[in-house]
Amino acid sequence: MIQVNVTVDYEGQFYQTNVLTSRDTEPDEILQLAFSQIKRQWEVPEN
């Protein structure tokens, strides 16, 4: 496992997040994982 630091542009703001992944993970998949982490943090939960 490796830790990758990723900067993501989400709704006009830049956020940094860490992604823990295996060494053979494709860069596009790492970016998608980072984006989904940021999106989950900023979404308003539905009741």
PDB file of N, CA and C in Angstrom:
ATOM      1  N   MET A   1       0.842  -1.183   0.000  1.00  0.00           N
ATOM      2  CA  MET A   1       0.000   0.000   0.000  1.00  0.00           C
ATOM      3  C   MET A   1       0.890   1.250   0.000  1.00  0.00           C
ATOM      4  N   ILE A   2       0.394   2.266  -0.688  1.00  0.00           N
ATOM      5  CA  ILE A   2       1.074   3.555  -0.702  1.00  0.00           C
ATOM      6  C   ILE A   2       0.057   4.650  -0.394  1.00  0.00           C
ATOM      7  N   GLN A   3       0.559   5.780   0.072  1.00  0.00           N
ATOM      8  CA  GLN A   3      -0.277   6.945   0.310  1.00  0.00           C
ATOM      9  C   GLN A   3       0.032   7.958  -0.779  1.00  0.00           C
ATOM     10  N   VAL A   4      -1.016   8.428  -1.462  1.00  0.00           N
ATOM     11  CA  VAL A   4      -0.853   9.405  -2.532  1.00  0.00           C
ATOM     12  C   VAL A   4      -1.584  10.676  -2.118  1.00  0.00           C
ATOM     13  N   ASN A   5      -0.899  11.814  -2.157  1.00  0.00           N
ATOM     14  CA  ASN A   5      -1.517  13.103  -1.871  1.00  0.00           C
ATOM     15  C   ASN A   5      -2.064  13.664  -3.177  1.00  0.00           C
ATOM     16  N   VAL A   6      -3.347  14.018  -3.177  1.00  0.00           N
ATOM     17  CA  VAL A   6      -4.017  14.463  -4.400  1.00  0.00           C
ATOM     18  C   VAL A   6      -4.720  15.790  -4.131  1.00  0.00           C
ATOM     19  N   THR A   7      -4.601  16.727  -5.073  1.00  0.00           N
ATOM     20  CA  THR A   7      -5.353  17.975  -5.024  1.00  0.00           C
ATOM     21  C   THR A   7      -6.490  17.872  -6.027  1.00  0.00           C
ATOM     22  N   VAL A   8      -7.710  18.162  -5.551  1.00  0.00           N
ATOM     23  CA  VAL A   8      -8.914  18.009  -6.363  1.00  0.00           C
ATOM     24  C   VAL A   8      -9.628  19.353  -6.454  1.00  0.00           C
ATOM     25  N   ASP A   9     -10.087  19.709  -7.657  1.00  0.00           N
ATOM     26  CA  ASP A   9     -10.923  20.894  -7.855  1.00  0.00           C
ATOM     27  C   ASP A   9     -12.372  20.446  -7.737  1.00  0.00           C
ATOM     28  N   TYR A  10     -13.044  20.894  -6.672  1.00  0.00           N
ATOM     29  CA  TYR A  10     -14.445  20.525  -6.443  1.00  0.00           C
ATOM     30  C   TYR A  10     -15.252  21.796  -6.282  1.00  0.00           C
ATOM     31  N   GLU A  11     -16.145  22.041  -7.212  1.00  0.00           N
ATOM     32  CA  GLU A  11     -17.022  23.211  -7.217  1.00  0.00           C
ATOM     33  C   GLU A  11     -16.233  24.515  -7.083  1.00  0.00           C
ATOM     34  N   GLY A  12     -15.128  24.614  -7.819  1.00  0.00           N
ATOM     35  CA  GLY A  12     -14.357  25.849  -7.861  1.00  0.00           C
ATOM     36  C   GLY A  12     -13.372  26.039  -6.721  1.00  0.00           C
ATOM     37  N   GLN A  13     -13.300  25.096  -5.814  1.00  0.00           N
ATOM     38  CA  GLN A  13     -12.360  25.160  -4.696  1.00  0.00           C
ATOM     39  C   GLN A  13     -11.379  24.000  -4.802  1.00  0.00           C
ATOM     40  N   PHE A  14     -10.160  24.209  -4.340  1.00  0.00           N
ATOM     41  CA  PHE A  14      -9.157  23.154  -4.366  1.00  0.00           C
ATOM     42  C   PHE A  14      -9.034  22.533  -2.981  1.00  0.00           C
ATOM     43  N   TYR A  15      -9.058  21.210  -2.943  1.00  0.00           N
ATOM     44  CA  TYR A  15      -8.954  20.460  -1.698  1.00  0.00           C
ATOM     45  C   TYR A  15      -7.867  19.417  -1.843  1.00  0.00           C
ATOM     46  N   GLN A  16      -7.131  19.190  -0.747  1.00  0.00           N
ATOM     47  CA  GLN A  16      -6.125  18.138  -0.734  1.00  0.00           C
ATOM     48  C   GLN A  16      -6.660  16.971   0.068  1.00  0.00           C
ATOM     49  N   THR A  17      -6.387  15.769  -0.410  1.00  0.00           N
ATOM     50  CA  THR A  17      -6.781  14.565   0.303  1.00  0.00           C
ATOM     51  C   THR A  17      -5.720  13.495   0.089  1.00  0.00           C
ATOM     52  N   ASN A  18      -5.720  12.510   0.952  1.00  0.00           N
ATOM     53  CA  ASN A  18      -4.802  11.380   0.843  1.00  0.00           C
ATOM     54  C   ASN A  18      -5.584  10.161   0.392  1.00  0.00           C
ATOM     55  N   VAL A  19      -5.001   9.393  -0.497  1.00  0.00           N
ATOM     56  CA  VAL A  19      -5.607   8.149  -0.965  1.00  0.00           C
ATOM     57  C   VAL A  19      -4.637   7.018  -0.639  1.00  0.00           C
ATOM     58  N   LEU A  20      -5.120   6.012   0.086  1.00  0.00           N
ATOM     59  CA  LEU A  20      -4.333   4.811   0.344  1.00  0.00           C
ATOM     60  C   LEU A  20      -4.714   3.786  -0.707  1.00  0.00           C
ATOM     61  N   THR A  21      -3.729   3.294  -1.441  1.00  0.00           N
ATOM     62  CA  THR A  21      -4.013   2.408  -2.558  1.00  0.00           C
ATOM     63  C   THR A  21      -2.831   1.482  -2.808  1.00  0.00           C
ATOM     64  N   SER A  22      -3.040   0.504  -3.636  1.00  0.00           N
ATOM     65  CA  SER A  22      -1.940  -0.394  -3.995  1.00  0.00           C
ATOM     66  C   SER A  22      -1.078   0.268  -5.072  1.00  0.00           C
ATOM     67  N   ARG A  23       0.133  -0.216  -5.217  1.00  0.00           N
ATOM     68  CA  ARG A  23       1.082   0.385  -6.161  1.00  0.00           C
ATOM     69  C   ARG A  23       0.642   0.267  -7.619  1.00  0.00           C
ATOM     70  N   ASP A  24      -0.169  -0.724  -7.945  1.00  0.00           N
ATOM     71  CA  ASP A  24      -0.547  -0.936  -9.345  1.00  0.00           C
ATOM     72  C   ASP A  24      -1.847  -0.238  -9.742  1.00  0.00           C
ATOM     73  N   THR A  25      -2.385   0.622  -8.878  1.00  0.00           N
ATOM     74  CA  THR A  25      -3.611   1.350  -9.199  1.00  0.00           C
ATOM     75  C   THR A  25      -3.312   2.423 -10.244  1.00  0.00           C
ATOM     76  N   GLU A  26      -4.173   2.508 -11.245  1.00  0.00           N
ATOM     77  CA  GLU A  26      -4.007   3.489 -12.326  1.00  0.00           C
ATOM     78  C   GLU A  26      -4.228   4.914 -11.801  1.00  0.00           C
ATOM     79  N   PRO A  27      -3.505   5.892 -12.336  1.00  0.00           N
ATOM     80  CA  PRO A  27      -3.663   7.285 -11.898  1.00  0.00           C
ATOM     81  C   PRO A  27      -5.098   7.810 -12.012  1.00  0.00           C
ATOM     82  N   ASP A  28      -5.815   7.421 -13.066  1.00  0.00           N
ATOM     83  CA  ASP A  28      -7.205   7.868 -13.211  1.00  0.00           C
ATOM     84  C   ASP A  28      -8.082   7.346 -12.077  1.00  0.00           C
ATOM     85  N   GLU A  29      -7.829   6.117 -11.643  1.00  0.00           N
ATOM     86  CA  GLU A  29      -8.607   5.540 -10.547  1.00  0.00           C
ATOM     87  C   GLU A  29      -8.286   6.245  -9.224  1.00  0.00           C
ATOM     88  N   ILE A  30      -7.016   6.591  -9.016  1.00  0.00           N
ATOM     89  CA  ILE A  30      -6.626   7.326  -7.808  1.00  0.00           C
ATOM     90  C   ILE A  30      -7.323   8.682  -7.773  1.00  0.00           C
ATOM     91  N   LEU A  31      -7.361   9.373  -8.907  1.00  0.00           N
ATOM     92  CA  LEU A  31      -8.036  10.667  -8.986  1.00  0.00           C
ATOM     93  C   LEU A  31      -9.526  10.524  -8.698  1.00  0.00           C
ATOM     94  N   GLN A  32     -10.147   9.474  -9.219  1.00  0.00           N
ATOM     95  CA  GLN A  32     -11.571   9.241  -8.976  1.00  0.00           C
ATOM     96  C   GLN A  32     -11.831   8.958  -7.497  1.00  0.00           C
ATOM     97  N   LEU A  33     -10.969   8.183  -6.863  1.00  0.00           N
ATOM     98  CA  LEU A  33     -11.108   7.906  -5.430  1.00  0.00           C
ATOM     99  C   LEU A  33     -10.992   9.197  -4.618  1.00  0.00           C
ATOM    100  N   ALA A  34     -10.032  10.041  -4.971  1.00  0.00           N
ATOM    101  CA  ALA A  34      -9.846  11.311  -4.269  1.00  0.00           C
ATOM    102  C   ALA A  34     -11.074  12.201  -4.439  1.00  0.00           C
ATOM    103  N   PHE A  35     -11.594  12.276  -5.658  1.00  0.00           N
ATOM    104  CA  PHE A  35     -12.768  13.104  -5.921  1.00  0.00           C
ATOM    105  C   PHE A  35     -13.971  12.607  -5.118  1.00  0.00           C
ATOM    106  N   SER A  36     -14.165  11.295  -5.062  1.00  0.00           N
ATOM    107  CA  SER A  36     -15.314  10.758  -4.323  1.00  0.00           C
ATOM    108  C   SER A  36     -15.177  11.019  -2.823  1.00  0.00           C
ATOM    109  N   GLN A  37     -13.954  11.000  -2.289  1.00  0.00           N
ATOM    110  CA  GLN A  37     -13.744  11.318  -0.876  1.00  0.00           C
ATOM    111  C   GLN A  37     -14.147  12.762  -0.588  1.00  0.00           C
ATOM    112  N   ILE A  38     -13.694  13.688  -1.426  1.00  0.00           N
ATOM    113  CA  ILE A  38     -14.024  15.101  -1.231  1.00  0.00           C
ATOM    114  C   ILE A  38     -15.526  15.316  -1.380  1.00  0.00           C
ATOM    115  N   LYS A  39     -16.122  14.695  -2.368  1.00  0.00           N
ATOM    116  CA  LYS A  39     -17.559  14.846  -2.605  1.00  0.00           C
ATOM    117  C   LYS A  39     -18.360  14.370  -1.396  1.00  0.00           C
ATOM    118  N   ARG A  40     -17.979  13.222  -0.825  1.00  0.00           N
ATOM    119  CA  ARG A  40     -18.684  12.693   0.355  1.00  0.00           C
ATOM    120  C   ARG A  40     -18.569  13.648   1.540  1.00  0.00           C
ATOM    121  N   GLN A  41     -17.424  14.293   1.688  1.00  0.00           N
ATOM    122  CA  GLN A  41     -17.227  15.203   2.820  1.00  0.00           C
ATOM    123  C   GLN A  41     -18.109  16.443   2.712  1.00  0.00           C
ATOM    124  N   TRP A  42     -18.390  16.888   1.499  1.00  0.00           N
ATOM    125  CA  TRP A  42     -19.105  18.146   1.322  1.00  0.00           C
ATOM    126  C   TRP A  42     -20.571  17.992   0.951  1.00  0.00           C
ATOM    127  N   GLU A  43     -21.041  16.770   0.747  1.00  0.00           N
ATOM    128  CA  GLU A  43     -22.454  16.578   0.443  1.00  0.00           C
ATOM    129  C   GLU A  43     -23.298  16.765   1.699  1.00  0.00           C
ATOM    130  N   VAL A  44     -24.487  17.317   1.517  1.00  0.00           N
ATOM    131  CA  VAL A  44     -25.434  17.467   2.617  1.00  0.00           C
ATOM    132  C   VAL A  44     -26.205  16.157   2.736  1.00  0.00           C
ATOM    133  N   PRO A  45     -26.199  15.541   3.927  1.00  0.00           N
ATOM    134  CA  PRO A  45     -26.911  14.265   4.073  1.00  0.00           C
ATOM    135  C   PRO A  45     -28.417  14.448   3.905  1.00  0.00           C
ATOM    136  N   GLU A  46     -29.033  13.484   3.253  1.00  0.00           N
ATOM    137  CA  GLU A  46     -30.482  13.514   3.066  1.00  0.00           C
ATOM    138  C   GLU A  46     -31.148  12.805   4.234  1.00  0.00           C
ATOM    139  N   ASN A  47     -32.259  13.341   4.679  1.00  0.00           N
ATOM    140  CA  ASN A  47     -32.990  12.719   5.798  1.00  0.00           C
ATOM    141  C   ASN A  47     -34.160  11.936   5.308  1.00  0.00           C
TER     142      ASN A  47
END
